N, C-alpha and C. Protein backbone atom coordinates (compact mmCIF):
# COMPACT_ATOMS: atom_id res chain seq x y z
N UNK A 1 0.88 -1.12 -0.02
CA UNK A 1 0.01 0.03 0.02
C UNK A 1 0.89 1.18 -0.01
N UNK A 2 0.42 2.19 -0.62
CA UNK A 2 1.20 3.50 -0.61
C UNK A 2 0.21 4.49 -0.06
N UNK A 3 0.45 4.83 1.22
CA UNK A 3 -0.46 5.79 1.90
C UNK A 3 -0.52 7.16 1.27
N UNK A 4 0.45 7.47 0.35
CA UNK A 4 0.38 8.76 -0.36
C UNK A 4 -0.51 8.67 -1.59
N UNK A 5 -0.94 7.50 -2.00
CA UNK A 5 -1.78 7.30 -3.13
C UNK A 5 -3.16 7.82 -2.80
N UNK A 6 -3.72 8.73 -3.62
CA UNK A 6 -4.99 9.35 -3.35
C UNK A 6 -6.09 8.30 -3.22
N UNK A 7 -6.14 7.25 -4.12
CA UNK A 7 -7.21 6.29 -4.04
C UNK A 7 -7.10 5.42 -2.79
N UNK A 8 -5.87 5.15 -2.29
CA UNK A 8 -5.69 4.35 -1.10
C UNK A 8 -6.15 5.20 0.14
N UNK A 9 -5.79 6.53 0.20
CA UNK A 9 -6.24 7.37 1.29
C UNK A 9 -7.72 7.54 1.28
N UNK A 10 -8.33 7.67 0.14
CA UNK A 10 -9.81 7.75 0.06
C UNK A 10 -10.45 6.49 0.53
N UNK A 11 -9.90 5.32 0.18
CA UNK A 11 -10.44 4.03 0.66
C UNK A 11 -10.35 3.95 2.16
N UNK A 12 -9.23 4.31 2.69
CA UNK A 12 -9.04 4.28 4.11
C UNK A 12 -10.05 5.06 4.93
N UNK A 13 -10.38 6.23 4.36
CA UNK A 13 -11.31 7.15 5.09
C UNK A 13 -12.75 6.64 5.00
N UNK A 14 -13.07 5.79 3.93
CA UNK A 14 -14.41 5.43 3.73
C UNK A 14 -14.64 3.95 4.14
N UNK A 15 -13.66 3.20 4.34
CA UNK A 15 -13.76 1.75 4.61
C UNK A 15 -13.61 1.44 6.09
N UNK A 16 -14.04 0.30 6.49
CA UNK A 16 -13.89 -0.17 7.85
C UNK A 16 -12.44 -0.60 8.11
N UNK A 17 -11.51 0.35 8.09
CA UNK A 17 -10.12 0.12 8.19
C UNK A 17 -9.55 0.98 9.31
N UNK A 18 -8.64 0.44 10.13
CA UNK A 18 -7.97 1.23 11.12
C UNK A 18 -6.50 1.30 10.91
N UNK A 19 -5.92 2.50 11.02
CA UNK A 19 -4.47 2.60 10.91
C UNK A 19 -3.91 2.07 12.20
N UNK A 20 -2.76 1.27 12.13
CA UNK A 20 -2.21 0.67 13.19
C UNK A 20 -0.79 1.36 13.44
N UNK A 21 -0.34 1.58 14.62
CA UNK A 21 0.91 2.25 14.96
C UNK A 21 2.10 1.62 14.30
N UNK A 22 3.01 2.48 13.93
CA UNK A 22 4.25 2.07 13.23
C UNK A 22 5.02 1.00 14.05
N UNK A 23 4.88 0.99 15.32
CA UNK A 23 5.62 -0.04 16.08
C UNK A 23 5.11 -1.42 15.77
N UNK A 24 3.86 -1.55 15.29
CA UNK A 24 3.34 -2.83 14.89
C UNK A 24 4.00 -3.15 13.52
N UNK A 25 4.12 -2.22 12.66
CA UNK A 25 4.81 -2.38 11.39
C UNK A 25 6.27 -2.90 11.61
N UNK A 26 6.94 -2.32 12.62
CA UNK A 26 8.33 -2.69 12.85
C UNK A 26 8.35 -4.19 13.39
N UNK A 27 7.40 -4.53 14.25
CA UNK A 27 7.35 -5.87 14.80
C UNK A 27 7.10 -6.88 13.64
N UNK A 28 6.17 -6.59 12.76
CA UNK A 28 5.86 -7.46 11.60
C UNK A 28 7.09 -7.60 10.70
N UNK A 29 7.70 -6.46 10.40
CA UNK A 29 8.91 -6.50 9.60
C UNK A 29 10.03 -7.34 10.18
N UNK A 30 10.31 -7.24 11.41
CA UNK A 30 11.26 -8.05 12.12
C UNK A 30 10.86 -9.47 11.93
N UNK A 31 9.64 -9.84 12.20
CA UNK A 31 9.20 -11.22 12.09
C UNK A 31 9.36 -11.77 10.68
N UNK A 32 8.84 -11.08 9.71
CA UNK A 32 8.95 -11.54 8.30
C UNK A 32 10.46 -11.67 7.95
N UNK A 33 11.24 -10.69 8.26
CA UNK A 33 12.72 -10.74 7.89
C UNK A 33 13.43 -11.98 8.47
N UNK A 34 12.90 -12.50 9.59
CA UNK A 34 13.59 -13.64 10.24
C UNK A 34 12.99 -15.01 9.87
N UNK A 35 12.05 -15.01 8.92
CA UNK A 35 11.50 -16.30 8.50
C UNK A 35 12.41 -16.84 7.33
N UNK A 36 12.09 -18.07 6.98
CA UNK A 36 12.91 -18.71 5.92
C UNK A 36 12.44 -18.19 4.58
N UNK A 37 13.46 -17.82 3.72
CA UNK A 37 13.20 -17.26 2.40
C UNK A 37 13.69 -18.24 1.39
N UNK A 38 13.15 -18.23 0.17
CA UNK A 38 13.67 -19.07 -0.92
C UNK A 38 15.08 -18.70 -1.24
N UNK A 39 15.74 -19.51 -2.02
CA UNK A 39 17.18 -19.32 -2.34
C UNK A 39 17.43 -18.01 -2.98
N UNK A 40 16.51 -17.49 -3.82
CA UNK A 40 16.73 -16.22 -4.46
C UNK A 40 16.44 -15.00 -3.47
N UNK A 41 15.83 -15.31 -2.39
CA UNK A 41 15.50 -14.25 -1.47
C UNK A 41 14.40 -13.37 -1.82
N UNK A 42 13.49 -13.90 -2.81
CA UNK A 42 12.46 -13.08 -3.34
C UNK A 42 11.06 -13.32 -2.68
N UNK A 43 10.92 -14.43 -1.94
CA UNK A 43 9.65 -14.71 -1.33
C UNK A 43 9.92 -15.71 -0.17
N UNK A 44 8.91 -15.89 0.63
CA UNK A 44 9.08 -16.87 1.71
C UNK A 44 9.23 -18.27 1.19
N UNK A 45 9.91 -19.09 1.92
CA UNK A 45 10.08 -20.50 1.54
C UNK A 45 8.92 -21.32 2.15
N UNK A 46 7.90 -21.51 1.19
CA UNK A 46 6.68 -22.08 1.67
C UNK A 46 6.81 -23.61 1.92
N UNK A 47 7.74 -24.22 1.37
CA UNK A 47 7.93 -25.62 1.67
C UNK A 47 8.40 -25.81 3.16
N UNK A 48 9.22 -24.92 3.65
CA UNK A 48 9.73 -24.96 5.02
C UNK A 48 8.66 -24.43 5.98
N UNK A 49 7.97 -23.37 5.60
CA UNK A 49 6.94 -22.74 6.45
C UNK A 49 5.65 -23.57 6.58
N UNK A 50 5.36 -24.31 5.54
CA UNK A 50 4.11 -25.01 5.45
C UNK A 50 2.99 -24.10 5.07
N UNK A 51 2.64 -24.20 3.79
CA UNK A 51 1.61 -23.27 3.24
C UNK A 51 0.85 -23.86 2.13
N UNK A 52 -0.25 -23.22 1.80
CA UNK A 52 -1.16 -23.68 0.65
C UNK A 52 -1.40 -22.48 -0.18
N UNK A 53 -1.62 -22.76 -1.46
CA UNK A 53 -2.09 -21.73 -2.39
C UNK A 53 -3.57 -21.57 -2.34
N UNK A 54 -4.05 -20.35 -2.18
CA UNK A 54 -5.46 -20.09 -2.00
C UNK A 54 -5.93 -19.06 -3.04
N UNK A 55 -7.04 -19.29 -3.64
CA UNK A 55 -7.67 -18.35 -4.58
C UNK A 55 -8.46 -17.32 -3.78
N UNK A 56 -8.18 -16.05 -3.92
CA UNK A 56 -8.89 -15.04 -3.20
C UNK A 56 -10.39 -14.93 -3.49
N UNK A 57 -10.79 -15.50 -4.58
CA UNK A 57 -12.21 -15.53 -4.98
C UNK A 57 -13.01 -16.54 -4.17
N UNK A 58 -12.36 -17.40 -3.41
CA UNK A 58 -12.99 -18.50 -2.72
C UNK A 58 -12.60 -18.48 -1.24
N UNK A 59 -13.37 -17.82 -0.42
CA UNK A 59 -13.05 -17.56 1.00
C UNK A 59 -12.90 -18.94 1.71
N UNK A 60 -13.65 -19.95 1.21
CA UNK A 60 -13.53 -21.33 1.84
C UNK A 60 -12.16 -21.90 1.65
N UNK A 61 -11.35 -21.38 0.72
CA UNK A 61 -9.99 -21.93 0.50
C UNK A 61 -9.13 -21.64 1.67
N UNK A 62 -9.46 -20.74 2.54
CA UNK A 62 -8.70 -20.44 3.75
C UNK A 62 -8.89 -21.44 4.88
N UNK A 63 -9.93 -22.30 4.73
CA UNK A 63 -10.19 -23.30 5.78
C UNK A 63 -8.95 -24.14 5.97
N UNK A 64 -8.55 -24.37 7.22
CA UNK A 64 -7.38 -25.15 7.56
C UNK A 64 -6.12 -24.32 7.61
N UNK A 65 -6.20 -23.04 7.25
CA UNK A 65 -4.93 -22.17 7.38
C UNK A 65 -5.02 -21.43 8.69
N UNK A 66 -3.88 -20.95 9.10
CA UNK A 66 -3.84 -20.23 10.39
C UNK A 66 -4.70 -18.97 10.31
N UNK A 67 -4.72 -18.26 9.23
CA UNK A 67 -5.44 -16.94 9.08
C UNK A 67 -6.93 -17.16 9.28
N UNK A 68 -7.40 -18.37 9.00
CA UNK A 68 -8.85 -18.71 9.14
C UNK A 68 -9.35 -18.62 10.59
N UNK A 69 -8.36 -18.77 11.55
CA UNK A 69 -8.87 -18.70 12.91
C UNK A 69 -8.73 -17.26 13.54
N UNK A 70 -8.39 -16.31 12.68
CA UNK A 70 -8.23 -14.97 13.15
C UNK A 70 -9.45 -14.15 12.77
N UNK A 71 -9.83 -13.23 13.64
CA UNK A 71 -10.96 -12.37 13.38
C UNK A 71 -10.59 -11.22 12.41
N UNK A 72 -9.34 -10.79 12.40
CA UNK A 72 -8.87 -9.65 11.69
C UNK A 72 -7.55 -9.94 10.97
N UNK A 73 -7.17 -9.05 10.05
CA UNK A 73 -5.87 -9.04 9.41
C UNK A 73 -5.29 -7.74 9.55
N UNK A 74 -3.97 -7.75 9.51
CA UNK A 74 -3.14 -6.47 9.50
C UNK A 74 -2.34 -6.53 8.21
N UNK A 75 -2.59 -5.62 7.32
CA UNK A 75 -1.91 -5.42 6.04
C UNK A 75 -0.70 -4.54 6.30
N UNK A 76 0.45 -5.05 6.05
CA UNK A 76 1.67 -4.43 6.31
C UNK A 76 2.41 -4.14 5.04
N UNK A 77 3.06 -2.98 4.96
CA UNK A 77 3.85 -2.58 3.78
C UNK A 77 5.32 -2.45 4.15
N UNK A 78 5.65 -1.36 4.87
CA UNK A 78 7.01 -1.07 5.26
C UNK A 78 7.15 -0.61 6.69
N UNK A 79 8.25 -0.71 7.28
CA UNK A 79 8.55 -0.33 8.65
C UNK A 79 8.18 1.11 8.90
N UNK A 80 8.29 1.95 7.97
CA UNK A 80 8.07 3.38 8.19
C UNK A 80 6.71 3.93 7.84
N UNK A 81 5.75 2.98 7.66
CA UNK A 81 4.34 3.37 7.46
C UNK A 81 3.45 2.55 8.46
N UNK A 82 2.36 3.21 8.85
CA UNK A 82 1.37 2.47 9.67
C UNK A 82 0.81 1.29 8.90
N UNK A 83 0.47 0.29 9.53
CA UNK A 83 -0.19 -0.92 8.97
C UNK A 83 -1.70 -0.63 8.95
N UNK A 84 -2.46 -1.44 8.32
CA UNK A 84 -3.94 -1.32 8.25
C UNK A 84 -4.54 -2.54 8.91
N UNK A 85 -5.44 -2.42 9.81
CA UNK A 85 -6.21 -3.50 10.45
C UNK A 85 -7.59 -3.43 9.97
N UNK A 86 -8.12 -4.65 9.69
CA UNK A 86 -9.51 -4.75 9.28
C UNK A 86 -10.08 -6.14 9.53
N UNK A 87 -11.34 -6.34 9.45
CA UNK A 87 -12.01 -7.65 9.60
C UNK A 87 -11.43 -8.60 8.56
N UNK A 88 -11.11 -9.83 8.90
CA UNK A 88 -10.44 -10.77 8.04
C UNK A 88 -11.10 -10.91 6.63
N UNK A 89 -12.32 -11.24 6.57
CA UNK A 89 -12.96 -11.46 5.24
C UNK A 89 -12.90 -10.20 4.39
N UNK A 90 -13.17 -9.03 4.97
CA UNK A 90 -13.14 -7.79 4.25
C UNK A 90 -11.69 -7.52 3.79
N UNK A 91 -10.72 -7.73 4.65
CA UNK A 91 -9.31 -7.44 4.33
C UNK A 91 -8.80 -8.37 3.20
N UNK A 92 -9.13 -9.69 3.30
CA UNK A 92 -8.67 -10.58 2.22
C UNK A 92 -9.33 -10.31 0.94
N UNK A 93 -10.59 -9.83 0.94
CA UNK A 93 -11.31 -9.55 -0.31
C UNK A 93 -10.79 -8.22 -0.86
N UNK A 94 -10.08 -7.42 -0.12
CA UNK A 94 -9.70 -6.06 -0.67
C UNK A 94 -8.19 -5.88 -0.63
N UNK A 95 -7.41 -6.96 -0.79
CA UNK A 95 -5.97 -6.85 -0.88
C UNK A 95 -5.51 -6.02 -2.04
N UNK A 96 -6.20 -6.09 -3.19
CA UNK A 96 -5.84 -5.29 -4.32
C UNK A 96 -5.96 -3.78 -4.05
N UNK A 97 -6.94 -3.43 -3.26
CA UNK A 97 -7.10 -2.02 -2.94
C UNK A 97 -6.07 -1.62 -1.85
N UNK A 98 -5.92 -2.44 -0.83
CA UNK A 98 -4.96 -2.12 0.24
C UNK A 98 -3.56 -1.94 -0.29
N UNK A 99 -3.15 -2.78 -1.26
CA UNK A 99 -1.76 -2.74 -1.74
C UNK A 99 -1.60 -2.05 -3.07
N UNK A 100 -2.61 -1.23 -3.43
CA UNK A 100 -2.50 -0.50 -4.69
C UNK A 100 -1.26 0.43 -4.69
N UNK A 101 -0.44 0.35 -5.69
CA UNK A 101 0.72 1.24 -5.82
C UNK A 101 1.96 0.68 -5.06
N UNK A 102 1.85 -0.56 -4.52
CA UNK A 102 2.95 -1.13 -3.81
C UNK A 102 3.47 -2.42 -4.54
N UNK A 103 4.64 -2.25 -5.18
CA UNK A 103 5.17 -3.37 -5.92
C UNK A 103 5.70 -4.47 -5.16
N UNK A 104 5.78 -5.67 -5.78
CA UNK A 104 6.44 -6.78 -5.07
C UNK A 104 5.52 -7.51 -4.12
N UNK A 105 6.13 -8.47 -3.38
CA UNK A 105 5.34 -9.32 -2.47
C UNK A 105 4.96 -8.53 -1.23
N UNK A 106 3.79 -8.69 -0.73
CA UNK A 106 3.25 -8.02 0.41
C UNK A 106 2.79 -9.05 1.41
N UNK A 107 2.77 -8.72 2.68
CA UNK A 107 2.45 -9.66 3.71
C UNK A 107 1.33 -9.20 4.65
N UNK A 108 0.45 -10.12 4.96
CA UNK A 108 -0.67 -9.95 5.75
C UNK A 108 -0.50 -10.78 7.01
N UNK A 109 -0.76 -10.32 8.17
CA UNK A 109 -0.65 -11.08 9.40
C UNK A 109 -2.03 -11.13 10.06
N UNK A 110 -2.37 -12.29 10.55
CA UNK A 110 -3.61 -12.48 11.29
C UNK A 110 -3.59 -11.74 12.65
N UNK A 111 -4.75 -11.43 13.10
CA UNK A 111 -4.87 -10.74 14.47
C UNK A 111 -6.22 -11.09 15.05
N UNK A 112 -6.29 -10.93 16.37
CA UNK A 112 -7.58 -10.98 17.00
C UNK A 112 -7.63 -9.72 17.89
N UNK A 113 -8.79 -9.22 18.21
CA UNK A 113 -8.89 -8.02 19.00
C UNK A 113 -8.91 -8.32 20.49
N UNK A 114 -8.19 -7.49 21.27
CA UNK A 114 -8.22 -7.62 22.70
C UNK A 114 -9.46 -6.95 23.23
N UNK A 115 -9.66 -6.86 24.60
CA UNK A 115 -10.87 -6.33 25.20
C UNK A 115 -11.01 -4.84 24.90
N UNK A 116 -9.95 -4.19 24.53
CA UNK A 116 -10.06 -2.72 24.21
C UNK A 116 -10.23 -2.52 22.67
N UNK A 117 -10.35 -3.61 21.92
CA UNK A 117 -10.53 -3.48 20.49
C UNK A 117 -9.24 -3.28 19.73
N UNK A 118 -8.08 -3.50 20.42
CA UNK A 118 -6.81 -3.37 19.69
C UNK A 118 -6.34 -4.74 19.12
N UNK A 119 -5.68 -4.70 17.97
CA UNK A 119 -5.35 -5.98 17.33
C UNK A 119 -4.12 -6.57 18.06
N UNK A 120 -4.27 -7.90 18.32
CA UNK A 120 -3.14 -8.68 18.92
C UNK A 120 -2.74 -9.59 17.78
N UNK A 121 -1.54 -9.43 17.35
CA UNK A 121 -0.96 -10.24 16.19
C UNK A 121 -0.88 -11.70 16.51
N UNK A 122 -1.21 -12.42 15.52
CA UNK A 122 -1.02 -13.89 15.49
C UNK A 122 0.12 -14.12 14.38
N UNK A 123 1.36 -14.05 14.83
CA UNK A 123 2.50 -13.92 13.92
C UNK A 123 2.67 -15.18 12.99
N UNK A 124 2.10 -16.32 13.36
CA UNK A 124 2.22 -17.47 12.57
C UNK A 124 1.20 -17.56 11.47
N UNK A 125 0.17 -16.63 11.50
CA UNK A 125 -0.87 -16.59 10.47
C UNK A 125 -0.45 -15.60 9.41
N UNK A 126 0.13 -16.09 8.37
CA UNK A 126 0.77 -15.23 7.34
C UNK A 126 0.10 -15.54 6.00
N UNK A 127 -0.12 -14.42 5.29
CA UNK A 127 -0.56 -14.51 3.87
C UNK A 127 0.42 -13.70 3.04
N UNK A 128 0.94 -14.32 1.98
CA UNK A 128 1.86 -13.58 1.01
C UNK A 128 1.02 -13.27 -0.22
N UNK A 129 0.96 -12.02 -0.51
CA UNK A 129 0.18 -11.51 -1.66
C UNK A 129 1.15 -10.94 -2.72
N UNK A 130 1.01 -11.39 -3.91
CA UNK A 130 1.91 -11.04 -4.98
C UNK A 130 1.21 -10.19 -6.10
N UNK A 131 0.01 -9.77 -5.86
CA UNK A 131 -0.76 -8.98 -6.74
C UNK A 131 -1.64 -9.79 -7.78
N UNK A 132 -1.83 -11.06 -7.47
CA UNK A 132 -2.74 -11.84 -8.34
C UNK A 132 -3.91 -12.33 -7.54
N UNK A 133 -4.74 -13.16 -8.14
CA UNK A 133 -5.91 -13.60 -7.36
C UNK A 133 -5.57 -14.79 -6.48
N UNK A 134 -4.24 -15.23 -6.51
CA UNK A 134 -3.82 -16.27 -5.58
C UNK A 134 -2.82 -15.80 -4.61
N UNK A 135 -2.92 -16.37 -3.32
CA UNK A 135 -2.02 -15.99 -2.29
C UNK A 135 -1.43 -17.34 -1.71
N UNK A 136 -0.45 -17.15 -0.91
CA UNK A 136 0.04 -18.37 -0.13
C UNK A 136 -0.32 -18.01 1.34
N UNK A 137 -0.73 -19.06 2.02
CA UNK A 137 -1.23 -18.91 3.44
C UNK A 137 -0.57 -20.01 4.27
N UNK A 138 -0.13 -19.70 5.50
CA UNK A 138 0.38 -20.72 6.39
C UNK A 138 -0.67 -21.63 6.88
N UNK A 139 -0.20 -22.90 7.01
CA UNK A 139 -1.14 -23.89 7.53
C UNK A 139 -0.90 -24.24 8.97
């Protein structure tokens, strides 16, 4: 996502999306950086992590994945930008909007809300989005 993009900013103001503090972005970045990557270093090593390919057009495809047990998702772009938290189904259905203007692989982390309504990350619940209708999700 590029928070400077006019269409992304307009979507954030009109959608059920919450900006999340940059400290959460830093935590997610640290976690993702320390996971196993493929030999080229271009994406996560899904054979080691354990993942499945899911079509975004079929929400039932997430059954059995870690993200399926989360009520929310946190869309993360870079350490120096706030992340976006939203209800899981809405977030996964709108990854193309959330990541408009952001090239390359993007990562979504599962979350559940605490008693104050703040997202608590589920760091093992990872979705890798590459800009197509298919994503990889941890099992």
